[in-house]
Amino acid sequence: MNLFRSEEHLTRWLHHWHAAGDYVLPVDDWAKVFSAPTFRRRLDPDYLARAPEYLDEYRRALQAPGKALPAPDRILSTVLFTDIVDSTRQAANVGDSEWRAQIRRHDDIVRSQLQHFGGREVDRTGDGSLSAFASPARAIRCAQAICAAMHSIGLRVRAGVHSGEFEVLGDHLGGIAVHIGARISALAGPNEVLVSQTVRDAVIGSGIAFEDRGTHELKGVPGQWQLYAVTS
């Protein structure tokens, strides 16, 4: 008897049944995986935050019998990160109950603008959001609309936009391009939309204007990165 590692792998197997050995493990081998220290903590509150450790356990369990994780699907996309400016101070000022209500209003605004501009919510990131777009220009316009709409509830946000190749992890996106987008967002000022040069070059002719913000080192990312602020 074998177990598939996810519904996604079951779907792949239906189309690539000849590679079934790459996607399944005997139950005895799975018992070894779930007896590992990491998996014994799988009900801890930080369960999702430990995902990279779980992935390593999967990888080691597959390597033992000579198998390997299948290469993830990759797509070209544009990600938009937004983050509330000064969120900790504001939460302390208004109290937990009111801050939760404020976050709900924030989320409503983000989701409304995503729907309008054709974006897809990928994840909540603390006091911000990660979303994906097929068009970098739409991602930029959505970021501007989110920044403007937040004034109505007394919040300011920063935003970062990056285009690249991403790993498809179920409904989520992964890979270094996600980290680049997050680092760009972290460098933006209040009500500012920062983009990578990849994005700026992709939207030439769109009418979107930029101001050069110079080159930056992005923590954990190799090389120097040219960034631009959206001005109109």
Protein backbone atom coordinates (compact mmCIF):
# COMPACT_ATOMS: atom_id res chain seq x y z
CA MET A 1 0.00 0.00 0.00
CA ASN A 2 1.24 3.49 -0.84
CA LEU A 3 0.31 7.01 0.19
CA PHE A 4 0.43 10.05 -2.03
CA ARG A 5 2.12 13.08 -0.48
CA SER A 6 -0.65 15.47 -1.55
CA GLU A 7 -3.74 15.76 -3.73
CA GLU A 8 -1.57 17.58 -6.24
CA HIS A 9 0.69 14.56 -6.57
CA LEU A 10 -2.32 12.29 -7.01
CA THR A 11 -3.46 14.53 -9.87
CA ARG A 12 0.00 14.38 -11.43
CA TRP A 13 0.06 10.61 -11.10
CA LEU A 14 -3.19 10.30 -13.03
CA HIS A 15 -1.44 11.99 -15.97
CA HIS A 16 2.02 10.50 -15.39
CA TRP A 17 1.27 7.08 -13.93
CA HIS A 18 4.54 5.67 -15.28
CA ALA A 19 6.40 7.90 -12.76
CA ALA A 20 4.37 6.72 -9.77
CA GLY A 21 7.52 5.59 -7.99
CA ASP A 22 8.61 9.23 -7.71
CA TYR A 23 5.45 10.23 -5.88
CA VAL A 24 4.67 7.51 -3.38
CA LEU A 25 6.21 5.84 -0.34
CA PRO A 26 5.37 2.60 1.41
CA VAL A 27 3.42 3.05 4.63
CA ASP A 28 6.38 1.77 6.67
CA ASP A 29 8.56 4.53 5.26
CA TRP A 30 5.89 7.10 6.06
CA ALA A 31 5.88 5.89 9.65
CA LYS A 32 9.55 6.83 9.83
CA VAL A 33 8.77 10.32 8.49
CA PHE A 34 6.04 11.00 11.02
CA SER A 35 8.09 9.66 13.90
CA ALA A 36 10.79 12.26 13.21
CA PRO A 37 11.15 15.01 15.86
CA THR A 38 9.86 17.70 13.50
CA PHE A 39 6.62 15.83 12.85
CA ARG A 40 6.07 15.04 16.50
CA ARG A 41 5.70 18.81 16.88
CA ARG A 42 3.26 19.10 13.98
CA LEU A 43 0.42 20.30 16.24
CA ASP A 44 2.45 23.17 17.71
CA PRO A 45 1.06 26.71 17.15
CA ASP A 46 3.92 27.46 14.72
CA TYR A 47 3.02 24.49 12.53
CA LEU A 48 2.84 26.47 9.28
CA ALA A 49 5.97 28.45 10.07
CA ARG A 50 7.88 25.15 10.24
CA ALA A 51 6.98 24.17 6.67
CA PRO A 52 10.62 24.26 5.43
CA GLU A 53 11.60 21.76 8.15
CA TYR A 54 8.74 19.44 7.17
CA LEU A 55 9.86 19.66 3.55
CA ASP A 56 13.36 18.61 4.58
CA GLU A 57 11.88 15.62 6.42
CA TYR A 58 9.97 14.63 3.30
CA ARG A 59 13.10 14.97 1.21
CA ARG A 60 15.21 12.82 3.52
CA ALA A 61 12.48 10.17 3.74
CA LEU A 62 12.29 9.97 -0.04
CA GLN A 63 16.06 9.90 -0.50
CA ALA A 64 16.47 6.92 1.86
CA PRO A 65 14.79 4.47 -0.57
CA GLY A 66 16.43 6.20 -3.55
CA LYS A 67 13.56 8.50 -4.50
CA ALA A 68 13.47 12.29 -4.82
CA LEU A 69 11.00 15.14 -4.66
CA PRO A 70 9.60 15.94 -8.12
CA ALA A 71 10.63 19.29 -9.56
CA PRO A 72 8.01 21.92 -8.68
CA ASP A 73 5.97 23.57 -11.38
CA ARG A 74 7.20 27.07 -12.22
CA ILE A 75 5.33 30.01 -13.72
CA LEU A 76 6.05 33.56 -14.78
CA SER A 77 4.04 35.96 -12.64
CA THR A 78 4.09 39.28 -10.81
CA VAL A 79 3.77 39.51 -7.05
CA LEU A 80 2.58 42.44 -4.97
CA PHE A 81 3.50 42.73 -1.31
CA THR A 82 1.78 45.28 0.91
CA ASP A 83 2.48 46.01 4.55
CA ILE A 84 0.93 48.37 7.10
CA VAL A 85 3.32 51.11 8.18
CA ASP A 86 3.88 51.48 11.95
CA SER A 87 1.48 48.63 12.69
CA THR A 88 2.91 47.72 16.10
CA ARG A 89 2.59 51.25 17.46
CA GLN A 90 -0.93 51.62 16.12
CA ALA A 91 -2.00 48.28 17.58
CA ALA A 92 -0.66 49.31 20.97
CA ASN A 93 -2.49 52.64 20.79
CA VAL A 94 -5.95 51.30 19.92
CA GLY A 95 -5.92 47.94 21.72
CA ASP A 96 -6.34 44.40 20.48
CA SER A 97 -10.08 44.45 19.78
CA GLU A 98 -10.05 47.64 17.74
CA TRP A 99 -6.90 46.59 15.92
CA ARG A 100 -8.54 43.32 14.84
CA ALA A 101 -11.45 45.34 13.47
CA GLN A 102 -9.01 47.61 11.68
CA ILE A 103 -7.24 44.63 10.13
CA ARG A 104 -10.59 43.32 8.89
CA ARG A 105 -11.26 46.68 7.23
CA HIS A 106 -7.75 46.60 5.75
CA ASP A 107 -8.34 43.10 4.36
CA ASP A 108 -11.68 44.12 2.85
CA ILE A 109 -10.00 46.98 1.00
CA VAL A 110 -7.18 44.78 -0.29
CA ARG A 111 -9.56 42.08 -1.51
CA SER A 112 -11.85 44.61 -3.16
CA GLN A 113 -8.95 46.11 -5.11
CA LEU A 114 -7.59 42.68 -6.03
CA GLN A 115 -10.96 41.78 -7.49
CA HIS A 116 -11.09 45.05 -9.43
CA PHE A 117 -7.59 44.69 -10.90
CA GLY A 118 -7.66 40.94 -11.52
CA GLY A 119 -5.24 39.91 -8.78
CA ARG A 120 -5.28 36.77 -6.66
CA GLU A 121 -4.72 36.76 -2.93
CA VAL A 122 -1.92 34.30 -2.18
CA ASP A 123 -1.30 34.82 1.52
CA ARG A 124 -1.62 37.08 4.54
CA THR A 125 1.78 38.23 5.75
CA GLY A 126 1.46 39.49 9.31
CA ASP A 127 0.01 42.96 8.84
CA GLY A 128 0.13 42.82 5.07
CA SER A 129 -0.66 40.73 2.04
CA LEU A 130 0.89 38.83 -0.84
CA SER A 131 -0.99 38.68 -4.13
CA ALA A 132 -0.23 37.59 -7.68
CA PHE A 133 -1.05 39.10 -11.06
CA ALA A 134 -0.71 38.10 -14.69
CA SER A 135 0.13 41.72 -15.56
CA PRO A 136 2.79 43.88 -13.82
CA ALA A 137 0.91 47.04 -14.82
CA ARG A 138 -2.22 45.79 -13.08
CA ALA A 139 -0.18 44.94 -9.99
CA ILE A 140 1.17 48.50 -9.88
CA ARG A 141 -2.25 50.10 -10.35
CA CYS A 142 -3.69 47.82 -7.68
CA ALA A 143 -0.91 48.82 -5.27
CA GLN A 144 -1.63 52.50 -5.89
CA ALA A 145 -5.35 51.97 -5.33
CA ILE A 146 -4.72 50.09 -2.08
CA CYS A 147 -2.45 52.87 -0.79
CA ALA A 148 -5.04 55.52 -1.64
CA ALA A 149 -7.98 53.60 -0.17
CA MET A 150 -6.23 52.99 3.15
CA HIS A 151 -6.47 56.71 3.95
CA SER A 152 -10.20 56.24 4.53
CA ILE A 153 -9.51 54.02 7.54
CA GLY A 154 -6.50 55.93 8.83
CA LEU A 155 -3.80 53.52 7.69
CA ARG A 156 -0.72 53.90 5.54
CA VAL A 157 0.84 51.02 3.65
CA ARG A 158 4.00 50.37 1.70
CA ALA A 159 4.10 48.18 -1.40
CA GLY A 160 6.61 46.27 -3.48
CA VAL A 161 6.16 44.70 -6.92
CA HIS A 162 8.40 42.16 -8.63
CA SER A 163 8.06 39.96 -11.72
CA GLY A 164 9.86 36.67 -12.18
CA GLU A 165 9.60 32.92 -12.22
CA PHE A 166 7.93 31.36 -9.19
CA GLU A 167 7.49 27.86 -7.85
CA VAL A 168 3.86 26.73 -7.64
CA LEU A 169 3.22 25.23 -4.22
CA GLY A 170 -0.46 24.34 -4.30
CA ASP A 171 -2.29 27.66 -3.97
CA HIS A 172 0.90 29.38 -2.85
CA LEU A 173 4.01 30.66 -4.60
CA GLY A 174 7.60 30.04 -3.59
CA GLY A 175 11.16 30.58 -4.72
CA ILE A 176 13.70 33.37 -4.55
CA ALA A 177 11.44 35.70 -6.55
CA VAL A 178 9.00 35.79 -3.62
CA HIS A 179 11.80 36.83 -1.28
CA ILE A 180 12.87 39.55 -3.70
CA GLY A 181 9.34 40.98 -3.74
CA ALA A 182 9.21 40.98 0.05
CA ARG A 183 12.59 42.72 0.35
CA ILE A 184 11.54 45.39 -2.13
CA SER A 185 8.35 46.07 -0.20
CA ALA A 186 10.30 46.43 3.05
CA LEU A 187 12.35 49.27 1.51
CA ALA A 188 9.29 51.30 0.42
CA GLY A 189 8.21 54.35 2.38
CA PRO A 190 4.67 55.16 3.57
CA ASN A 191 2.22 55.23 0.65
CA GLU A 192 5.07 54.33 -1.73
CA VAL A 193 5.11 51.64 -4.40
CA LEU A 194 8.59 50.33 -5.19
CA VAL A 195 9.29 48.04 -8.14
CA SER A 196 12.24 46.10 -9.50
CA GLN A 197 13.85 46.97 -12.80
CA THR A 198 12.27 43.84 -14.23
CA VAL A 199 8.85 45.36 -13.59
CA ARG A 200 9.79 48.82 -14.85
CA ASP A 201 11.13 47.39 -18.12
CA ALA A 202 8.02 45.22 -18.55
CA VAL A 203 5.58 48.16 -18.40
CA ILE A 204 7.34 50.52 -20.82
CA GLY A 205 4.61 52.16 -22.90
CA SER A 206 1.95 51.73 -20.21
CA GLY A 207 2.04 55.39 -19.15
CA ILE A 208 3.27 54.52 -15.67
CA ALA A 209 6.04 56.87 -14.55
CA PHE A 210 8.92 56.08 -12.21
CA GLU A 211 11.63 57.75 -10.19
CA ASP A 212 15.01 56.08 -9.83
CA ARG A 213 15.67 54.98 -6.24
CA GLY A 214 19.19 53.70 -6.91
CA THR A 215 20.76 50.31 -6.35
CA HIS A 216 20.21 48.31 -3.19
CA GLU A 217 21.34 45.12 -1.55
CA LEU A 218 18.39 42.91 -0.71
CA LYS A 219 18.97 40.83 2.41
CA GLY A 220 19.74 37.24 1.48
CA VAL A 221 19.56 37.93 -2.28
CA PRO A 222 22.75 37.99 -4.38
CA GLY A 223 23.82 41.09 -6.29
CA GLN A 224 22.72 44.71 -6.50
CA TRP A 225 19.11 45.55 -7.35
CA GLN A 226 17.96 48.69 -9.14
CA LEU A 227 14.68 49.93 -7.68
CA TYR A 228 12.14 52.49 -8.87
CA ALA A 229 9.31 54.35 -7.14
CA VAL A 230 6.02 54.71 -8.99
CA THR A 231 5.19 58.42 -9.40
CA SER A 232 2.07 58.35 -11.60
